[in-house]
Amino acid sequence: VPRRLEALALALTDKAAATSSQALRAPMPGRLVSLAVAEGESVEAGQTLAVMEAMKMETALSAESAGEVAEILARPGALLSLDDPILRLS
């Protein structure tokens, strides 16, 4: 049981760290198809940041506000769960 608790605590810590700045999160379970930005790149509100696929349908994920890509947390091809962080904006 302690190992399960350690894994859960680590997962929650990772998600909490991603929320310290503005994070782009997976809106659904699925595969990350592509990233349209790189770390350090400036983005505008409404700009497409990534594309996810679920059940053979692609969904473009856009920036809610302007900022800079501080960290990329998921790579194309990754299978993501609901609310997994994809990248962090500052």
Protein backbone atom coordinates (compact mmCIF):
# COMPACT_ATOMS: atom_id res chain seq x y z
CA VAL A 1 0.00 0.00 0.00
CA PRO A 2 2.75 2.58 0.76
CA ARG A 3 4.08 2.29 -2.82
CA ARG A 4 0.63 3.04 -4.18
CA LEU A 5 0.42 6.07 -1.93
CA GLU A 6 3.86 7.23 -3.09
CA ALA A 7 2.80 6.92 -6.74
CA LEU A 8 -0.43 8.81 -6.06
CA ALA A 9 1.40 11.56 -4.16
CA LEU A 10 3.90 11.92 -7.02
CA ALA A 11 1.11 12.14 -9.60
CA LEU A 12 -0.72 14.77 -7.57
CA THR A 13 2.49 16.76 -7.06
CA ASP A 14 3.18 16.75 -10.81
CA LYS A 15 -0.34 18.01 -11.54
CA ALA A 16 -0.08 20.67 -8.82
CA ALA A 17 3.23 21.91 -10.27
CA ALA A 18 1.63 22.22 -13.69
CA THR A 19 -1.11 24.44 -12.26
CA SER A 20 1.31 26.91 -10.66
CA SER A 21 1.35 28.68 -14.03
CA GLN A 22 -1.20 28.48 -16.78
CA ALA A 23 -1.26 24.88 -18.04
CA LEU A 24 -2.76 23.43 -21.18
CA ARG A 25 -4.45 20.20 -20.09
CA ALA A 26 -5.98 17.28 -21.95
CA PRO A 27 -9.73 17.94 -22.25
CA MET A 28 -10.36 14.21 -22.76
CA PRO A 29 -8.53 10.90 -22.75
CA GLY A 30 -6.70 10.41 -26.04
CA ARG A 31 -3.45 10.56 -27.97
CA LEU A 32 -1.40 13.71 -28.40
CA VAL A 33 -0.99 13.94 -32.18
CA SER A 34 1.18 17.02 -32.46
CA LEU A 35 2.55 20.13 -30.78
CA ALA A 36 2.49 23.37 -32.75
CA VAL A 37 4.85 25.27 -30.42
CA ALA A 38 8.27 24.91 -28.80
CA GLU A 39 9.60 25.88 -25.38
CA GLY A 40 10.38 29.59 -25.20
CA GLU A 41 7.97 30.48 -28.01
CA SER A 42 5.54 33.38 -27.53
CA VAL A 43 1.89 32.57 -28.20
CA GLU A 44 -1.23 34.66 -28.73
CA ALA A 45 -4.71 34.02 -27.38
CA GLY A 46 -6.54 31.61 -29.67
CA GLN A 47 -3.36 30.21 -31.23
CA THR A 48 -3.36 26.44 -31.74
CA LEU A 49 -0.87 24.83 -29.36
CA ALA A 50 -1.51 21.11 -29.83
CA VAL A 51 -3.77 18.55 -31.49
CA MET A 52 -5.27 15.53 -29.71
CA GLU A 53 -7.10 12.54 -31.16
CA ALA A 54 -9.80 10.48 -29.50
CA MET A 55 -12.01 7.94 -31.23
CA LYS A 56 -10.57 8.95 -34.64
CA MET A 57 -11.58 12.60 -34.17
CA GLU A 58 -8.94 15.31 -33.91
CA THR A 59 -9.34 18.28 -31.59
CA ALA A 60 -7.17 21.41 -31.78
CA LEU A 61 -6.22 22.87 -28.39
CA SER A 62 -5.75 26.63 -28.27
CA ALA A 63 -4.20 29.15 -25.89
CA GLU A 64 -6.73 30.90 -23.67
CA SER A 65 -4.46 33.93 -23.35
CA ALA A 66 -1.14 35.27 -24.60
CA GLY A 67 2.03 34.04 -22.96
CA GLU A 68 5.24 32.11 -23.45
CA VAL A 69 5.69 28.33 -23.53
CA ALA A 70 7.61 27.70 -20.31
CA GLU A 71 7.72 23.89 -20.41
CA ILE A 72 6.49 21.04 -22.60
CA LEU A 73 5.19 18.24 -20.40
CA ALA A 74 3.95 15.70 -23.00
CA ARG A 75 5.33 14.54 -26.34
CA PRO A 76 3.48 13.63 -29.55
CA GLY A 77 2.30 10.03 -29.44
CA ALA A 78 1.69 10.11 -25.69
CA LEU A 79 -1.56 8.63 -24.41
CA LEU A 80 -3.11 11.17 -22.07
CA SER A 81 -5.84 10.92 -19.46
CA LEU A 82 -8.41 13.59 -18.76
CA ASP A 83 -6.73 16.69 -17.27
CA ASP A 84 -3.13 15.52 -17.84
CA PRO A 85 -0.87 18.55 -18.37
CA ILE A 86 0.47 18.98 -21.92
CA LEU A 87 2.44 22.21 -21.55
CA ARG A 88 2.84 25.15 -19.22
CA LEU A 89 2.60 28.80 -20.20
CA SER A 90 4.08 31.68 -18.24
